[in-house]
PDB file of N, CA and C in Angstrom:
ATOM      1  N   MET A   1      -6.712   1.525 -19.913  1.00  0.00           N
ATOM      2  CA  MET A   1      -6.052   2.637 -19.343  1.00  0.00           C
ATOM      3  C   MET A   1      -7.057   3.511 -19.212  1.00  0.00           C
ATOM      4  N   ARG A   2      -7.204   4.431 -18.145  1.00  0.00           N
ATOM      5  CA  ARG A   2      -7.913   5.540 -17.937  1.00  0.00           C
ATOM      6  C   ARG A   2      -7.146   6.787 -17.629  1.00  0.00           C
ATOM      7  N   LEU A   3      -7.544   7.917 -18.317  1.00  0.00           N
ATOM      8  CA  LEU A   3      -6.884   9.138 -18.028  1.00  0.00           C
ATOM      9  C   LEU A   3      -7.683   9.982 -16.916  1.00  0.00           C
ATOM     10  N   ARG A   4      -7.137  10.777 -16.244  1.00  0.00           N
ATOM     11  CA  ARG A   4      -7.880  11.704 -15.176  1.00  0.00           C
ATOM     12  C   ARG A   4      -7.252  12.920 -15.504  1.00  0.00           C
ATOM     13  N   TYR A   5      -8.183  14.019 -15.748  1.00  0.00           N
ATOM     14  CA  TYR A   5      -7.968  15.373 -15.887  1.00  0.00           C
ATOM     15  C   TYR A   5      -7.155  15.938 -14.753  1.00  0.00           C
ATOM     16  N   GLY A   6      -5.903  16.634 -15.025  1.00  0.00           N
ATOM     17  CA  GLY A   6      -5.241  17.088 -13.822  1.00  0.00           C
ATOM     18  C   GLY A   6      -5.212  18.710 -13.726  1.00  0.00           C
ATOM     19  N   GLY A   7      -6.069  19.409 -14.399  1.00  0.00           N
ATOM     20  CA  GLY A   7      -6.264  20.901 -14.234  1.00  0.00           C
ATOM     21  C   GLY A   7      -5.914  21.755 -15.543  1.00  0.00           C
ATOM     22  N   SER A   8      -5.008  20.912 -16.418  1.00  0.00           N
ATOM     23  CA  SER A   8      -4.500  21.544 -17.605  1.00  0.00           C
ATOM     24  C   SER A   8      -4.672  20.620 -18.872  1.00  0.00           C
ATOM     25  N   ALA A   9      -4.319  21.204 -19.991  1.00  0.00           N
ATOM     26  CA  ALA A   9      -4.451  20.228 -21.044  1.00  0.00           C
ATOM     27  C   ALA A   9      -3.130  19.321 -21.319  1.00  0.00           C
ATOM     28  N   SER A  10      -2.021  19.604 -20.407  1.00  0.00           N
ATOM     29  CA  SER A  10      -0.930  18.906 -20.556  1.00  0.00           C
ATOM     30  C   SER A  10      -0.581  18.082 -19.189  1.00  0.00           C
ATOM     31  N   THR A  11      -1.457  18.103 -18.268  1.00  0.00           N
ATOM     32  CA  THR A  11      -1.397  17.436 -17.044  1.00  0.00           C
ATOM     33  C   THR A  11      -2.395  16.467 -16.811  1.00  0.00           C
ATOM     34  N   TRP A  12      -2.178  15.122 -16.880  1.00  0.00           N
ATOM     35  CA  TRP A  12      -3.165  13.966 -16.851  1.00  0.00           C
ATOM     36  C   TRP A  12      -2.717  13.096 -15.942  1.00  0.00           C
ATOM     37  N   GLY A  13      -3.346  12.393 -15.210  1.00  0.00           N
ATOM     38  CA  GLY A  13      -2.990  11.263 -14.367  1.00  0.00           C
ATOM     39  C   GLY A  13      -3.660  10.048 -15.068  1.00  0.00           C
ATOM     40  N   PHE A  14      -2.998   8.835 -14.824  1.00  0.00           N
ATOM     41  CA  PHE A  14      -3.690   7.564 -15.412  1.00  0.00           C
ATOM     42  C   PHE A  14      -3.772   6.468 -14.548  1.00  0.00           C
ATOM     43  N   ALA A  15      -4.449   5.578 -14.938  1.00  0.00           N
ATOM     44  CA  ALA A  15      -4.686   4.263 -14.069  1.00  0.00           C
ATOM     45  C   ALA A  15      -4.787   3.269 -15.162  1.00  0.00           C
ATOM     46  N   LEU A  16      -4.257   1.790 -14.701  1.00  0.00           N
ATOM     47  CA  LEU A  16      -4.271   0.808 -15.685  1.00  0.00           C
ATOM     48  C   LEU A  16      -5.147  -0.134 -14.964  1.00  0.00           C
ATOM     49  N   TYR A  17      -5.788  -0.881 -15.719  1.00  0.00           N
ATOM     50  CA  TYR A  17      -6.874  -1.878 -15.397  1.00  0.00           C
ATOM     51  C   TYR A  17      -6.357  -3.416 -15.619  1.00  0.00           C
ATOM     52  N   PRO A  18      -5.626  -3.834 -14.648  1.00  0.00           N
ATOM     53  CA  PRO A  18      -5.368  -5.402 -14.611  1.00  0.00           C
ATOM     54  C   PRO A  18      -6.599  -6.309 -14.564  1.00  0.00           C
ATOM     55  N   ALA A  19      -6.878  -7.236 -15.360  1.00  0.00           N
ATOM     56  CA  ALA A  19      -8.132  -8.124 -15.285  1.00  0.00           C
ATOM     57  C   ALA A  19      -7.953  -8.902 -13.949  1.00  0.00           C
ATOM     58  N   SER A  20      -6.636  -9.144 -13.763  1.00  0.00           N
ATOM     59  CA  SER A  20      -6.510  -9.904 -12.252  1.00  0.00           C
ATOM     60  C   SER A  20      -7.186  -9.347 -10.961  1.00  0.00           C
ATOM     61  N   THR A  21      -7.016  -8.005 -10.926  1.00  0.00           N
ATOM     62  CA  THR A  21      -7.710  -7.411  -9.737  1.00  0.00           C
ATOM     63  C   THR A  21      -9.177  -6.797  -9.966  1.00  0.00           C
ATOM     64  N   ASP A  22      -9.564  -6.844 -11.219  1.00  0.00           N
ATOM     65  CA  ASP A  22     -10.972  -6.320 -11.534  1.00  0.00           C
ATOM     66  C   ASP A  22     -11.097  -4.874 -11.098  1.00  0.00           C
ATOM     67  N   GLU A  23     -10.022  -3.966 -11.090  1.00  0.00           N
ATOM     68  CA  GLU A  23     -10.203  -2.674 -10.749  1.00  0.00           C
ATOM     69  C   GLU A  23      -9.069  -1.734 -11.030  1.00  0.00           C
ATOM     70  N   TYR A  24      -9.366  -0.410 -11.318  1.00  0.00           N
ATOM     71  CA  TYR A  24      -8.250   0.294 -11.863  1.00  0.00           C
ATOM     72  C   TYR A  24      -7.161   0.494 -10.711  1.00  0.00           C
ATOM     73  N   GLN A  25      -5.957   0.710 -11.172  1.00  0.00           N
ATOM     74  CA  GLN A  25      -4.831   1.149 -10.202  1.00  0.00           C
ATOM     75  C   GLN A  25      -4.105   2.342 -10.803  1.00  0.00           C
ATOM     76  N   ASP A  26      -3.825   3.043  -9.676  1.00  0.00           N
ATOM     77  CA  ASP A  26      -3.032   4.360 -10.274  1.00  0.00           C
ATOM     78  C   ASP A  26      -1.615   3.913 -10.667  1.00  0.00           C
ATOM     79  N   ALA A  27      -1.116   4.477 -11.652  1.00  0.00           N
ATOM     80  CA  ALA A  27       0.166   4.166 -12.207  1.00  0.00           C
ATOM     81  C   ALA A  27       1.090   5.318 -12.089  1.00  0.00           C
ATOM     82  N   ILE A  28       2.203   4.968 -11.889  1.00  0.00           N
ATOM     83  CA  ILE A  28       3.447   5.932 -12.065  1.00  0.00           C
ATOM     84  C   ILE A  28       4.112   6.039 -13.272  1.00  0.00           C
ATOM     85  N   LEU A  29       4.409   7.192 -13.785  1.00  0.00           N
ATOM     86  CA  LEU A  29       5.051   7.345 -15.227  1.00  0.00           C
ATOM     87  C   LEU A  29       6.614   6.998 -14.910  1.00  0.00           C
ATOM     88  N   PRO A  30       7.222   6.593 -16.071  1.00  0.00           N
ATOM     89  CA  PRO A  30       8.655   6.283 -16.014  1.00  0.00           C
ATOM     90  C   PRO A  30       9.469   7.654 -15.467  1.00  0.00           C
ATOM     91  N   THR A  31       8.913   8.894 -15.604  1.00  0.00           N
ATOM     92  CA  THR A  31       9.518  10.082 -15.133  1.00  0.00           C
ATOM     93  C   THR A  31       9.400  10.233 -13.601  1.00  0.00           C
ATOM     94  N   SER A  32       8.920   9.095 -12.986  1.00  0.00           N
ATOM     95  CA  SER A  32       8.668   9.266 -11.501  1.00  0.00           C
ATOM     96  C   SER A  32       7.588  10.050 -10.947  1.00  0.00           C
ATOM     97  N   GLY A  33       6.495  10.442 -11.770  1.00  0.00           N
ATOM     98  CA  GLY A  33       5.488  11.149 -11.352  1.00  0.00           C
ATOM     99  C   GLY A  33       4.122  10.660 -11.531  1.00  0.00           C
ATOM    100  N   PHE A  34       3.138  11.079 -10.961  1.00  0.00           N
ATOM    101  CA  PHE A  34       1.811  10.476 -11.323  1.00  0.00           C
ATOM    102  C   PHE A  34       0.989  11.270 -12.182  1.00  0.00           C
ATOM    103  N   ALA A  35       1.516  12.286 -12.854  1.00  0.00           N
ATOM    104  CA  ALA A  35       0.788  13.172 -13.848  1.00  0.00           C
ATOM    105  C   ALA A  35       1.926  13.553 -14.935  1.00  0.00           C
ATOM    106  N   GLY A  36       1.252  13.532 -16.166  1.00  0.00           N
ATOM    107  CA  GLY A  36       2.206  13.790 -17.398  1.00  0.00           C
ATOM    108  C   GLY A  36       1.142  14.030 -18.494  1.00  0.00           C
ATOM    109  N   THR A  37       1.571  13.988 -19.655  1.00  0.00           N
ATOM    110  CA  THR A  37       0.913  13.962 -20.834  1.00  0.00           C
ATOM    111  C   THR A  37       0.045  12.778 -21.199  1.00  0.00           C
ATOM    112  N   PRO A  38      -1.079  12.849 -22.153  1.00  0.00           N
ATOM    113  CA  PRO A  38      -1.507  11.524 -22.456  1.00  0.00           C
ATOM    114  C   PRO A  38      -0.539  10.854 -23.181  1.00  0.00           C
ATOM    115  N   GLU A  39       0.259  11.385 -23.949  1.00  0.00           N
ATOM    116  CA  GLU A  39       1.275  10.402 -24.665  1.00  0.00           C
ATOM    117  C   GLU A  39       2.289   9.717 -23.865  1.00  0.00           C
ATOM    118  N   ASP A  40       2.630  10.407 -22.713  1.00  0.00           N
ATOM    119  CA  ASP A  40       3.646   9.676 -21.723  1.00  0.00           C
ATOM    120  C   ASP A  40       2.724   8.515 -21.100  1.00  0.00           C
ATOM    121  N   ALA A  41       1.489   8.867 -20.874  1.00  0.00           N
ATOM    122  CA  ALA A  41       0.698   7.590 -20.239  1.00  0.00           C
ATOM    123  C   ALA A  41       0.605   6.402 -21.300  1.00  0.00           C
ATOM    124  N   LEU A  42       0.315   6.732 -22.471  1.00  0.00           N
ATOM    125  CA  LEU A  42      -0.003   5.764 -23.569  1.00  0.00           C
ATOM    126  C   LEU A  42       1.440   5.038 -23.815  1.00  0.00           C
ATOM    127  N   ASP A  43       2.673   5.864 -23.857  1.00  0.00           N
ATOM    128  CA  ASP A  43       3.832   4.990 -23.960  1.00  0.00           C
ATOM    129  C   ASP A  43       4.048   4.159 -22.923  1.00  0.00           C
ATOM    130  N   CYS A  44       3.956   4.554 -21.553  1.00  0.00           N
ATOM    131  CA  CYS A  44       4.242   3.797 -20.450  1.00  0.00           C
ATOM    132  C   CYS A  44       3.155   2.552 -20.470  1.00  0.00           C
ATOM    133  N   ALA A  45       1.950   2.553 -20.790  1.00  0.00           N
ATOM    134  CA  ALA A  45       1.105   1.483 -20.772  1.00  0.00           C
ATOM    135  C   ALA A  45       1.512   0.562 -21.827  1.00  0.00           C
ATOM    136  N   CYS A  46       1.933   1.126 -23.052  1.00  0.00           N
ATOM    137  CA  CYS A  46       2.393   0.126 -24.112  1.00  0.00           C
ATOM    138  C   CYS A  46       3.610  -0.568 -23.842  1.00  0.00           C
ATOM    139  N   GLY A  47       4.557   0.231 -23.127  1.00  0.00           N
ATOM    140  CA  GLY A  47       5.848  -0.364 -22.755  1.00  0.00           C
ATOM    141  C   GLY A  47       5.613  -1.459 -21.776  1.00  0.00           C
ATOM    142  N   LEU A  48       4.597  -1.371 -20.745  1.00  0.00           N
ATOM    143  CA  LEU A  48       4.345  -2.424 -19.892  1.00  0.00           C
ATOM    144  C   LEU A  48       3.827  -3.817 -20.548  1.00  0.00           C
ATOM    145  N   TYR A  49       2.825  -3.355 -21.250  1.00  0.00           N
ATOM    146  CA  TYR A  49       2.109  -4.480 -21.834  1.00  0.00           C
ATOM    147  C   TYR A  49       2.376  -5.113 -23.158  1.00  0.00           C
ATOM    148  N   LEU A  50       3.017  -4.359 -23.912  1.00  0.00           N
ATOM    149  CA  LEU A  50       3.480  -4.842 -25.180  1.00  0.00           C
ATOM    150  C   LEU A  50       4.941  -5.239 -25.520  1.00  0.00           C
ATOM    151  N   THR A  51       5.888  -4.372 -25.008  1.00  0.00           N
ATOM    152  CA  THR A  51       7.243  -4.675 -25.370  1.00  0.00           C
ATOM    153  C   THR A  51       8.252  -4.734 -24.172  1.00  0.00           C
ATOM    154  N   ASP A  52       8.251  -3.804 -23.247  1.00  0.00           N
ATOM    155  CA  ASP A  52       9.365  -3.800 -22.201  1.00  0.00           C
ATOM    156  C   ASP A  52       9.017  -3.697 -21.016  1.00  0.00           C
ATOM    157  N   PRO A  53       8.835  -4.890 -20.248  1.00  0.00           N
ATOM    158  CA  PRO A  53       8.370  -5.104 -18.935  1.00  0.00           C
ATOM    159  C   PRO A  53       9.313  -4.407 -17.954  1.00  0.00           C
ATOM    160  N   SER A  54      10.484  -3.730 -18.199  1.00  0.00           N
ATOM    161  CA  SER A  54      11.210  -3.173 -17.391  1.00  0.00           C
ATOM    162  C   SER A  54      11.036  -1.743 -16.929  1.00  0.00           C
ATOM    163  N   ILE A  55      10.060  -1.014 -17.762  1.00  0.00           N
ATOM    164  CA  ILE A  55       9.771   0.250 -17.757  1.00  0.00           C
ATOM    165  C   ILE A  55       8.704   0.502 -16.426  1.00  0.00           C
TER     166      ILE A  55
END
């Protein structure tokens, strides 16, 4: 997972690194936005890869 600064401490974009493509891909948060808090990004990544694939 890579975080990208969005201009304030509470606005960050993020990308995931799937080994199958060998590159980072921008990800959309469950809130339908490309930016949010680092906690939102971590929750989304963990949901995708560890518990709930429907997120």
